[in-house]
Amino acid sequence: QAMAADPLAGRLTKVAVPNPADTSDEALAAHCKRFVKTNYHPAGTAK
């Protein structure tokens, strides 16, 4: 939604991923499963 709001929206041609035409929970969850990765913050293993 932020990408679809100005002024950012006026500088973009299209959203490549995820597919903006399908923002259902199922579609976004599938996108998340495919692309999720570490934010480089592993922790807690000798708490």
All heavy atoms as atom14 arrays in JSON, in Angstrom:
{
  "sequence": "QAMAADPLAGRLTKVAVPNPADTSDEALAAHCKRFVKTNYHPAGTAK",
  "atom14_mask": [
    [1, 1, 1, 1, 1, 1, 1, 1, 1, 0, 0, 0, 0, 0],
    [1, 1, 1, 1, 1, 0, 0, 0, 0, 0, 0, 0, 0, 0],
    [1, 1, 1, 1, 1, 1, 1, 1, 0, 0, 0, 0, 0, 0],
    [1, 1, 1, 1, 1, 0, 0, 0, 0, 0, 0, 0, 0, 0],
    [1, 1, 1, 1, 1, 0, 0, 0, 0, 0, 0, 0, 0, 0],
    [1, 1, 1, 1, 1, 1, 1, 1, 0, 0, 0, 0, 0, 0],
    [1, 1, 1, 1, 1, 1, 1, 0, 0, 0, 0, 0, 0, 0],
    [1, 1, 1, 1, 1, 1, 1, 1, 0, 0, 0, 0, 0, 0],
    [1, 1, 1, 1, 1, 0, 0, 0, 0, 0, 0, 0, 0, 0],
    [1, 1, 1, 1, 0, 0, 0, 0, 0, 0, 0, 0, 0, 0],
    [1, 1, 1, 1, 1, 1, 1, 1, 1, 1, 1, 0, 0, 0],
    [1, 1, 1, 1, 1, 1, 1, 1, 0, 0, 0, 0, 0, 0],
    [1, 1, 1, 1, 1, 1, 1, 0, 0, 0, 0, 0, 0, 0],
    [1, 1, 1, 1, 1, 1, 1, 1, 1, 0, 0, 0, 0, 0],
    [1, 1, 1, 1, 1, 1, 1, 0, 0, 0, 0, 0, 0, 0],
    [1, 1, 1, 1, 1, 0, 0, 0, 0, 0, 0, 0, 0, 0],
    [1, 1, 1, 1, 1, 1, 1, 0, 0, 0, 0, 0, 0, 0],
    [1, 1, 1, 1, 1, 1, 1, 0, 0, 0, 0, 0, 0, 0],
    [1, 1, 1, 1, 1, 1, 1, 1, 0, 0, 0, 0, 0, 0],
    [1, 1, 1, 1, 1, 1, 1, 0, 0, 0, 0, 0, 0, 0],
    [1, 1, 1, 1, 1, 0, 0, 0, 0, 0, 0, 0, 0, 0],
    [1, 1, 1, 1, 1, 1, 1, 1, 0, 0, 0, 0, 0, 0],
    [1, 1, 1, 1, 1, 1, 1, 0, 0, 0, 0, 0, 0, 0],
    [1, 1, 1, 1, 1, 1, 0, 0, 0, 0, 0, 0, 0, 0],
    [1, 1, 1, 1, 1, 1, 1, 1, 0, 0, 0, 0, 0, 0],
    [1, 1, 1, 1, 1, 1, 1, 1, 1, 0, 0, 0, 0, 0],
    [1, 1, 1, 1, 1, 0, 0, 0, 0, 0, 0, 0, 0, 0],
    [1, 1, 1, 1, 1, 1, 1, 1, 0, 0, 0, 0, 0, 0],
    [1, 1, 1, 1, 1, 0, 0, 0, 0, 0, 0, 0, 0, 0],
    [1, 1, 1, 1, 1, 0, 0, 0, 0, 0, 0, 0, 0, 0],
    [1, 1, 1, 1, 1, 1, 1, 1, 1, 1, 0, 0, 0, 0],
    [1, 1, 1, 1, 1, 1, 0, 0, 0, 0, 0, 0, 0, 0],
    [1, 1, 1, 1, 1, 1, 1, 1, 1, 0, 0, 0, 0, 0],
    [1, 1, 1, 1, 1, 1, 1, 1, 1, 1, 1, 0, 0, 0],
    [1, 1, 1, 1, 1, 1, 1, 1, 1, 1, 1, 0, 0, 0],
    [1, 1, 1, 1, 1, 1, 1, 0, 0, 0, 0, 0, 0, 0],
    [1, 1, 1, 1, 1, 1, 1, 1, 1, 0, 0, 0, 0, 0],
    [1, 1, 1, 1, 1, 1, 1, 0, 0, 0, 0, 0, 0, 0],
    [1, 1, 1, 1, 1, 1, 1, 1, 0, 0, 0, 0, 0, 0],
    [1, 1, 1, 1, 1, 1, 1, 1, 1, 1, 1, 1, 0, 0],
    [1, 1, 1, 1, 1, 1, 1, 1, 1, 1, 0, 0, 0, 0],
    [1, 1, 1, 1, 1, 1, 1, 0, 0, 0, 0, 0, 0, 0],
    [1, 1, 1, 1, 1, 0, 0, 0, 0, 0, 0, 0, 0, 0],
    [1, 1, 1, 1, 0, 0, 0, 0, 0, 0, 0, 0, 0, 0],
    [1, 1, 1, 1, 1, 1, 1, 0, 0, 0, 0, 0, 0, 0],
    [1, 1, 1, 1, 1, 0, 0, 0, 0, 0, 0, 0, 0, 0],
    [1, 1, 1, 1, 1, 1, 1, 1, 1, 0, 0, 0, 0, 0]
  ],
  "atom14_positions": [
    [[0.83, -1.2, 0.0], [0.0, 0.0, 0.0], [0.86, 1.26, 0.0], [0.52, 2.26, -0.65], [-0.93, -0.01, 1.21], [-1.99, -1.1, 1.18], [-2.72, -1.24, 2.51], [-2.36, -0.59, 3.5], [-3.74, -2.09, 2.54], [0.0, 0.0, 0.0], [0.0, 0.0, 0.0], [0.0, 0.0, 0.0], [0.0, 0.0, 0.0], [0.0, 0.0, 0.0]],
    [[1.99, 1.22, 0.71], [2.9, 2.37, 0.71], [3.47, 2.61, -0.68], [3.62, 3.77, -1.1], [4.02, 2.14, 1.72], [0.0, 0.0, 0.0], [0.0, 0.0, 0.0], [0.0, 0.0, 0.0], [0.0, 0.0, 0.0], [0.0, 0.0, 0.0], [0.0, 0.0, 0.0], [0.0, 0.0, 0.0], [0.0, 0.0, 0.0], [0.0, 0.0, 0.0]],
    [[3.78, 1.54, -1.4], [4.28, 1.7, -2.78], [3.21, 2.29, -3.7], [3.54, 2.9, -4.72], [4.77, 0.37, -3.32], [6.14, -0.04, -2.83], [6.74, -1.51, -3.72], [8.48, -1.48, -3.27], [0.0, 0.0, 0.0], [0.0, 0.0, 0.0], [0.0, 0.0, 0.0], [0.0, 0.0, 0.0], [0.0, 0.0, 0.0], [0.0, 0.0, 0.0]],
    [[1.97, 2.09, -3.35], [0.87, 2.62, -4.17], [0.46, 4.03, -3.77], [-0.48, 4.59, -4.32], [-0.33, 1.68, -4.07], [0.0, 0.0, 0.0], [0.0, 0.0, 0.0], [0.0, 0.0, 0.0], [0.0, 0.0, 0.0], [0.0, 0.0, 0.0], [0.0, 0.0, 0.0], [0.0, 0.0, 0.0], [0.0, 0.0, 0.0], [0.0, 0.0, 0.0]],
    [[1.14, 4.61, -2.77], [0.83, 5.95, -2.29], [1.87, 6.94, -2.83], [3.04, 6.61, -3.0], [0.82, 5.98, -0.77], [0.0, 0.0, 0.0], [0.0, 0.0, 0.0], [0.0, 0.0, 0.0], [0.0, 0.0, 0.0], [0.0, 0.0, 0.0], [0.0, 0.0, 0.0], [0.0, 0.0, 0.0], [0.0, 0.0, 0.0], [0.0, 0.0, 0.0]],
    [[1.43, 8.14, -3.11], [2.36, 9.19, -3.56], [3.14, 9.73, -2.36], [2.65, 9.73, -1.23], [1.57, 10.32, -4.22], [1.08, 9.95, -5.61], [1.81, 9.21, -6.3], [-0.02, 10.39, -5.98], [0.0, 0.0, 0.0], [0.0, 0.0, 0.0], [0.0, 0.0, 0.0], [0.0, 0.0, 0.0], [0.0, 0.0, 0.0], [0.0, 0.0, 0.0]],
    [[4.39, 10.16, -2.61], [5.02, 10.35, -3.92], [5.71, 9.12, -4.51], [6.14, 9.15, -5.66], [6.06, 11.43, -3.62], [6.45, 11.19, -2.2], [5.21, 10.73, -1.51], [0.0, 0.0, 0.0], [0.0, 0.0, 0.0], [0.0, 0.0, 0.0], [0.0, 0.0, 0.0], [0.0, 0.0, 0.0], [0.0, 0.0, 0.0], [0.0, 0.0, 0.0]],
    [[5.82, 8.03, -3.75], [6.53, 6.86, -4.26], [5.83, 6.28, -5.48], [6.49, 5.92, -6.47], [6.64, 5.81, -3.16], [7.63, 4.65, -3.37], [9.03, 5.16, -3.61], [7.6, 3.71, -2.17], [0.0, 0.0, 0.0], [0.0, 0.0, 0.0], [0.0, 0.0, 0.0], [0.0, 0.0, 0.0], [0.0, 0.0, 0.0], [0.0, 0.0, 0.0]],
    [[4.51, 6.24, -5.46], [3.78, 5.62, -6.56], [4.07, 6.29, -7.9], [4.14, 5.62, -8.94], [2.27, 5.66, -6.28], [0.0, 0.0, 0.0], [0.0, 0.0, 0.0], [0.0, 0.0, 0.0], [0.0, 0.0, 0.0], [0.0, 0.0, 0.0], [0.0, 0.0, 0.0], [0.0, 0.0, 0.0], [0.0, 0.0, 0.0], [0.0, 0.0, 0.0]],
    [[4.27, 7.6, -7.88], [4.52, 8.32, -9.12], [5.88, 8.08, -9.72], [6.14, 8.5, -10.86], [0.0, 0.0, 0.0], [0.0, 0.0, 0.0], [0.0, 0.0, 0.0], [0.0, 0.0, 0.0], [0.0, 0.0, 0.0], [0.0, 0.0, 0.0], [0.0, 0.0, 0.0], [0.0, 0.0, 0.0], [0.0, 0.0, 0.0], [0.0, 0.0, 0.0]],
    [[6.75, 7.38, -8.99], [8.11, 7.1, -9.49], [8.29, 5.63, -9.86], [9.39, 5.22, -10.23], [9.15, 7.48, -8.44], [9.61, 8.91, -8.54], [8.59, 9.88, -7.97], [9.06, 11.27, -8.06], [8.5, 12.28, -7.42], [7.42, 12.08, -6.66], [8.98, 13.51, -7.56], [0.0, 0.0, 0.0], [0.0, 0.0, 0.0], [0.0, 0.0, 0.0]],
    [[7.25, 4.82, -9.75], [7.36, 3.4, -10.01], [6.52, 3.0, -11.22], [5.46, 3.57, -11.47], [6.89, 2.6, -8.79], [7.62, 2.89, -7.47], [7.02, 2.06, -6.34], [9.11, 2.64, -7.6], [0.0, 0.0, 0.0], [0.0, 0.0, 0.0], [0.0, 0.0, 0.0], [0.0, 0.0, 0.0], [0.0, 0.0, 0.0], [0.0, 0.0, 0.0]],
    [[7.04, 2.02, -11.97], [6.28, 1.5, -13.11], [5.46, 0.29, -12.71], [4.28, 0.2, -13.06], [7.22, 1.12, -14.26], [8.2, 0.17, -13.79], [7.95, 2.35, -14.8], [0.0, 0.0, 0.0], [0.0, 0.0, 0.0], [0.0, 0.0, 0.0], [0.0, 0.0, 0.0], [0.0, 0.0, 0.0], [0.0, 0.0, 0.0], [0.0, 0.0, 0.0]],
    [[6.08, -0.64, -11.98], [5.34, -1.82, -11.55], [6.04, -2.48, -10.38], [7.25, -2.35, -10.2], [5.2, -2.83, -12.69], [6.5, -3.49, -13.09], [6.24, -4.63, -14.09], [7.54, -5.37, -14.43], [7.31, -6.52, -15.31], [0.0, 0.0, 0.0], [0.0, 0.0, 0.0], [0.0, 0.0, 0.0], [0.0, 0.0, 0.0], [0.0, 0.0, 0.0]],
    [[5.26, -3.17, -9.58], [5.8, -4.03, -8.55], [6.07, -5.39, -9.17], [5.17, -6.0, -9.77], [4.83, -4.16, -7.36], [5.36, -5.16, -6.34], [4.6, -2.8, -6.71], [0.0, 0.0, 0.0], [0.0, 0.0, 0.0], [0.0, 0.0, 0.0], [0.0, 0.0, 0.0], [0.0, 0.0, 0.0], [0.0, 0.0, 0.0], [0.0, 0.0, 0.0]],
    [[7.3, -5.87, -9.04], [7.67, -7.15, -9.67], [7.32, -8.33, -8.77], [6.77, -9.33, -9.24], [9.16, -7.15, -10.0], [0.0, 0.0, 0.0], [0.0, 0.0, 0.0], [0.0, 0.0, 0.0], [0.0, 0.0, 0.0], [0.0, 0.0, 0.0], [0.0, 0.0, 0.0], [0.0, 0.0, 0.0], [0.0, 0.0, 0.0], [0.0, 0.0, 0.0]],
    [[7.68, -8.25, -7.49], [7.33, -9.29, -6.52], [6.98, -8.62, -5.21], [7.64, -7.65, -4.81], [8.48, -10.3, -6.3], [8.71, -11.15, -7.53], [9.78, -9.61, -5.88], [0.0, 0.0, 0.0], [0.0, 0.0, 0.0], [0.0, 0.0, 0.0], [0.0, 0.0, 0.0], [0.0, 0.0, 0.0], [0.0, 0.0, 0.0], [0.0, 0.0, 0.0]],
    [[5.93, -9.12, -4.52], [4.97, -10.14, -4.95], [4.01, -9.58, -6.01], [4.05, -8.38, -6.31], [4.22, -10.47, -3.66], [4.25, -9.18, -2.89], [5.59, -8.58, -3.18], [0.0, 0.0, 0.0], [0.0, 0.0, 0.0], [0.0, 0.0, 0.0], [0.0, 0.0, 0.0], [0.0, 0.0, 0.0], [0.0, 0.0, 0.0], [0.0, 0.0, 0.0]],
    [[3.19, -10.43, -6.55], [2.23, -10.02, -7.57], [1.2, -9.07, -6.97], [0.39, -9.48, -6.13], [1.54, -11.25, -8.14], [0.51, -10.89, -9.2], [0.38, -9.73, -9.61], [-0.24, -11.89, -9.65], [0.0, 0.0, 0.0], [0.0, 0.0, 0.0], [0.0, 0.0, 0.0], [0.0, 0.0, 0.0], [0.0, 0.0, 0.0], [0.0, 0.0, 0.0]],
    [[1.18, -7.78, -7.36], [0.25, -6.83, -6.73], [-1.2, -7.08, -7.1], [-2.11, -6.53, -6.47], [0.74, -5.48, -7.24], [1.39, -5.78, -8.55], [2.02, -7.14, -8.38], [0.0, 0.0, 0.0], [0.0, 0.0, 0.0], [0.0, 0.0, 0.0], [0.0, 0.0, 0.0], [0.0, 0.0, 0.0], [0.0, 0.0, 0.0], [0.0, 0.0, 0.0]],
    [[-1.43, -7.92, -8.12], [-2.8, -8.22, -8.52], [-3.47, -9.23, -7.6], [-4.69, -9.4, -7.66], [-2.82, -8.74, -9.96], [0.0, 0.0, 0.0], [0.0, 0.0, 0.0], [0.0, 0.0, 0.0], [0.0, 0.0, 0.0], [0.0, 0.0, 0.0], [0.0, 0.0, 0.0], [0.0, 0.0, 0.0], [0.0, 0.0, 0.0], [0.0, 0.0, 0.0]],
    [[-2.68, -9.92, -6.78], [-3.25, -10.9, -5.86], [-2.59, -10.73, -4.5], [-1.49, -11.23, -4.25], [-3.03, -12.32, -6.39], [-3.73, -13.37, -5.53], [-4.34, -13.0, -4.51], [-3.67, -14.56, -5.9], [0.0, 0.0, 0.0], [0.0, 0.0, 0.0], [0.0, 0.0, 0.0], [0.0, 0.0, 0.0], [0.0, 0.0, 0.0], [0.0, 0.0, 0.0]],
    [[-3.27, -10.0, -3.62], [-2.74, -9.78, -2.27], [-3.54, -10.54, -1.22], [-3.63, -10.13, -0.06], [-2.72, -8.28, -1.93], [-4.06, -7.77, -1.99], [-1.82, -7.52, -2.89], [0.0, 0.0, 0.0], [0.0, 0.0, 0.0], [0.0, 0.0, 0.0], [0.0, 0.0, 0.0], [0.0, 0.0, 0.0], [0.0, 0.0, 0.0], [0.0, 0.0, 0.0]],
    [[-4.1, -11.67, -1.65], [-4.79, -12.53, -0.7], [-3.78, -13.1, 0.3], [-2.57, -13.14, 0.04], [-5.49, -13.67, -1.41], [-4.54, -14.53, -2.04], [0.0, 0.0, 0.0], [0.0, 0.0, 0.0], [0.0, 0.0, 0.0], [0.0, 0.0, 0.0], [0.0, 0.0, 0.0], [0.0, 0.0, 0.0], [0.0, 0.0, 0.0], [0.0, 0.0, 0.0]],
    [[-4.28, -13.53, 1.45], [-3.4, -14.15, 2.44], [-2.64, -15.32, 1.84], [-1.45, -15.51, 2.12], [-4.22, -14.62, 3.65], [-4.69, -13.47, 4.52], [-4.32, -12.32, 4.24], [-5.43, -13.74, 5.48], [0.0, 0.0, 0.0], [0.0, 0.0, 0.0], [0.0, 0.0, 0.0], [0.0, 0.0, 0.0], [0.0, 0.0, 0.0], [0.0, 0.0, 0.0]],
    [[-3.33, -16.11, 1.04], [-2.71, -17.32, 0.46], [-1.58, -16.95, -0.49], [-0.49, -17.55, -0.46], [-3.76, -18.15, -0.26], [-4.83, -18.75, 0.64], [-5.87, -17.73, 1.1], [-5.94, -16.64, 0.48], [-6.62, -18.04, 2.05], [0.0, 0.0, 0.0], [0.0, 0.0, 0.0], [0.0, 0.0, 0.0], [0.0, 0.0, 0.0], [0.0, 0.0, 0.0]],
    [[-1.81, -15.95, -1.33], [-0.8, -15.56, -2.31], [0.41, -14.94, -1.62], [1.57, -15.23, -1.97], [-1.39, -14.6, -3.33], [0.0, 0.0, 0.0], [0.0, 0.0, 0.0], [0.0, 0.0, 0.0], [0.0, 0.0, 0.0], [0.0, 0.0, 0.0], [0.0, 0.0, 0.0], [0.0, 0.0, 0.0], [0.0, 0.0, 0.0], [0.0, 0.0, 0.0]],
    [[0.17, -14.07, -0.65], [1.28, -13.43, 0.05], [2.04, -14.44, 0.89], [3.28, -14.37, 0.99], [0.77, -12.29, 0.91], [0.27, -11.06, 0.15], [-0.28, -10.01, 1.11], [1.37, -10.46, -0.72], [0.0, 0.0, 0.0], [0.0, 0.0, 0.0], [0.0, 0.0, 0.0], [0.0, 0.0, 0.0], [0.0, 0.0, 0.0], [0.0, 0.0, 0.0]],
    [[1.35, -15.41, 1.47], [2.04, -16.45, 2.24], [2.93, -17.29, 1.33], [4.05, -17.66, 1.71], [1.04, -17.33, 2.97], [0.0, 0.0, 0.0], [0.0, 0.0, 0.0], [0.0, 0.0, 0.0], [0.0, 0.0, 0.0], [0.0, 0.0, 0.0], [0.0, 0.0, 0.0], [0.0, 0.0, 0.0], [0.0, 0.0, 0.0], [0.0, 0.0, 0.0]],
    [[2.47, -17.59, 0.13], [3.28, -18.35, -0.82], [4.53, -17.56, -1.2], [5.64, -18.12, -1.31], [2.46, -18.69, -2.06], [0.0, 0.0, 0.0], [0.0, 0.0, 0.0], [0.0, 0.0, 0.0], [0.0, 0.0, 0.0], [0.0, 0.0, 0.0], [0.0, 0.0, 0.0], [0.0, 0.0, 0.0], [0.0, 0.0, 0.0], [0.0, 0.0, 0.0]],
    [[4.37, -16.26, -1.41], [5.52, -15.39, -1.7], [6.5, -15.41, -0.52], [7.73, -15.52, -0.73], [5.02, -13.97, -1.97], [6.09, -12.93, -1.96], [7.02, -12.8, -2.97], [6.39, -11.96, -1.05], [7.84, -11.8, -2.7], [7.48, -11.27, -1.55], [0.0, 0.0, 0.0], [0.0, 0.0, 0.0], [0.0, 0.0, 0.0], [0.0, 0.0, 0.0]],
    [[5.99, -15.3, 0.68], [6.86, -15.29, 1.87], [7.61, -16.61, 2.01], [8.81, -16.62, 2.32], [6.03, -15.03, 3.12], [5.32, -13.37, 3.2], [0.0, 0.0, 0.0], [0.0, 0.0, 0.0], [0.0, 0.0, 0.0], [0.0, 0.0, 0.0], [0.0, 0.0, 0.0], [0.0, 0.0, 0.0], [0.0, 0.0, 0.0], [0.0, 0.0, 0.0]],
    [[6.95, -17.72, 1.78], [7.61, -19.02, 1.89], [8.74, -19.15, 0.86], [9.77, -19.75, 1.14], [6.6, -20.14, 1.68], [5.64, -20.35, 2.85], [4.58, -21.38, 2.54], [5.19, -22.76, 2.38], [4.14, -23.81, 2.19], [0.0, 0.0, 0.0], [0.0, 0.0, 0.0], [0.0, 0.0, 0.0], [0.0, 0.0, 0.0], [0.0, 0.0, 0.0]],
    [[8.54, -18.57, -0.29], [9.56, -18.7, -1.34], [10.77, -17.81, -1.1], [11.9, -18.18, -1.43], [8.95, -18.35, -2.7], [9.94, -18.54, -3.83], [9.36, -18.27, -5.18], [10.38, -18.39, -6.21], [10.25, -17.98, -7.45], [9.12, -17.42, -7.84], [11.22, -18.11, -8.32], [0.0, 0.0, 0.0], [0.0, 0.0, 0.0], [0.0, 0.0, 0.0]],
    [[10.55, -16.63, -0.49], [11.64, -15.65, -0.43], [12.16, -15.36, 0.97], [13.16, -14.65, 1.1], [11.18, -14.32, -1.07], [10.97, -14.41, -2.54], [9.7, -14.46, -3.07], [12.04, -14.47, -3.41], [9.49, -14.55, -4.44], [11.86, -14.57, -4.78], [10.58, -14.61, -5.29], [0.0, 0.0, 0.0], [0.0, 0.0, 0.0], [0.0, 0.0, 0.0]],
    [[11.54, -15.86, 2.02], [12.01, -15.51, 3.35], [13.46, -15.93, 3.56], [13.89, -16.98, 3.07], [11.11, -16.15, 4.44], [11.2, -17.68, 4.42], [11.47, -15.62, 5.81], [0.0, 0.0, 0.0], [0.0, 0.0, 0.0], [0.0, 0.0, 0.0], [0.0, 0.0, 0.0], [0.0, 0.0, 0.0], [0.0, 0.0, 0.0], [0.0, 0.0, 0.0]],
    [[14.2, -15.08, 4.24], [15.59, -15.39, 4.56], [15.96, -14.69, 5.85], [15.17, -13.94, 6.43], [16.52, -14.96, 3.44], [16.66, -13.47, 3.24], [17.67, -13.18, 2.15], [17.98, -11.69, 2.01], [18.66, -11.15, 3.22], [0.0, 0.0, 0.0], [0.0, 0.0, 0.0], [0.0, 0.0, 0.0], [0.0, 0.0, 0.0], [0.0, 0.0, 0.0]],
    [[17.16, -14.93, 6.31], [17.65, -14.31, 7.53], [17.8, -12.81, 7.36], [18.15, -12.31, 6.29], [19.01, -14.91, 7.92], [19.51, -14.22, 9.06], [20.03, -14.78, 6.79], [0.0, 0.0, 0.0], [0.0, 0.0, 0.0], [0.0, 0.0, 0.0], [0.0, 0.0, 0.0], [0.0, 0.0, 0.0], [0.0, 0.0, 0.0], [0.0, 0.0, 0.0]],
    [[17.54, -12.08, 8.44], [17.89, -10.67, 8.52], [19.27, -10.51, 9.18], [19.62, -9.43, 9.64], [16.82, -9.91, 9.3], [16.86, -8.41, 9.12], [16.71, -7.67, 10.08], [17.07, -7.93, 7.92], [0.0, 0.0, 0.0], [0.0, 0.0, 0.0], [0.0, 0.0, 0.0], [0.0, 0.0, 0.0], [0.0, 0.0, 0.0], [0.0, 0.0, 0.0]],
    [[20.0, -11.63, 9.26], [21.38, -11.66, 9.76], [21.45, -11.42, 11.27], [22.42, -10.86, 11.77], [22.27, -10.66, 9.02], [22.08, -10.65, 7.53], [21.47, -9.58, 6.9], [22.46, -11.74, 6.75], [21.26, -9.58, 5.52], [22.25, -11.75, 5.38], [21.65, -10.68, 4.76], [21.43, -10.68, 3.4], [0.0, 0.0, 0.0], [0.0, 0.0, 0.0]],
    [[20.45, -11.94, 12.02], [20.4, -11.7, 13.46], [20.2, -12.97, 14.28], [19.37, -13.0, 15.19], [19.26, -10.73, 13.78], [19.37, -9.4, 13.12], [18.27, -8.58, 12.91], [20.43, -8.73, 12.61], [18.66, -7.48, 12.3], [19.97, -7.54, 12.11], [0.0, 0.0, 0.0], [0.0, 0.0, 0.0], [0.0, 0.0, 0.0], [0.0, 0.0, 0.0]],
    [[20.93, -14.06, 14.02], [20.72, -15.26, 14.84], [21.05, -14.99, 16.31], [21.99, -14.25, 16.63], [21.68, -16.29, 14.22], [22.71, -15.47, 13.5], [22.0, -14.25, 13.03], [0.0, 0.0, 0.0], [0.0, 0.0, 0.0], [0.0, 0.0, 0.0], [0.0, 0.0, 0.0], [0.0, 0.0, 0.0], [0.0, 0.0, 0.0], [0.0, 0.0, 0.0]],
    [[20.26, -15.6, 17.19], [20.4, -15.31, 18.62], [19.81, -16.44, 19.45], [19.1, -17.31, 18.94], [19.67, -14.0, 18.95], [0.0, 0.0, 0.0], [0.0, 0.0, 0.0], [0.0, 0.0, 0.0], [0.0, 0.0, 0.0], [0.0, 0.0, 0.0], [0.0, 0.0, 0.0], [0.0, 0.0, 0.0], [0.0, 0.0, 0.0], [0.0, 0.0, 0.0]],
    [[20.12, -16.44, 20.74], [19.4, -17.23, 21.71], [19.83, -18.66, 21.95], [19.2, -19.37, 22.72], [0.0, 0.0, 0.0], [0.0, 0.0, 0.0], [0.0, 0.0, 0.0], [0.0, 0.0, 0.0], [0.0, 0.0, 0.0], [0.0, 0.0, 0.0], [0.0, 0.0, 0.0], [0.0, 0.0, 0.0], [0.0, 0.0, 0.0], [0.0, 0.0, 0.0]],
    [[20.94, -19.12, 21.36], [21.28, -20.54, 21.39], [22.04, -20.99, 22.63], [22.42, -22.16, 22.75], [22.11, -20.89, 20.14], [23.19, -19.95, 20.03], [21.24, -20.83, 18.89], [0.0, 0.0, 0.0], [0.0, 0.0, 0.0], [0.0, 0.0, 0.0], [0.0, 0.0, 0.0], [0.0, 0.0, 0.0], [0.0, 0.0, 0.0], [0.0, 0.0, 0.0]],
    [[22.3, -20.08, 23.56], [22.87, -20.44, 24.88], [22.3, -19.45, 25.88], [23.02, -18.68, 26.49], [24.4, -20.39, 24.85], [0.0, 0.0, 0.0], [0.0, 0.0, 0.0], [0.0, 0.0, 0.0], [0.0, 0.0, 0.0], [0.0, 0.0, 0.0], [0.0, 0.0, 0.0], [0.0, 0.0, 0.0], [0.0, 0.0, 0.0], [0.0, 0.0, 0.0]],
    [[21.01, -19.49, 26.04], [20.3, -18.38, 26.68], [20.5, -18.32, 28.19], [20.73, -19.33, 28.86], [18.81, -18.5, 26.38], [18.11, -19.66, 27.09], [16.6, -19.61, 26.87], [15.9, -20.7, 27.69], [14.43, -20.6, 27.6], [0.0, 0.0, 0.0], [0.0, 0.0, 0.0], [0.0, 0.0, 0.0], [0.0, 0.0, 0.0], [0.0, 0.0, 0.0]]
  ]
}
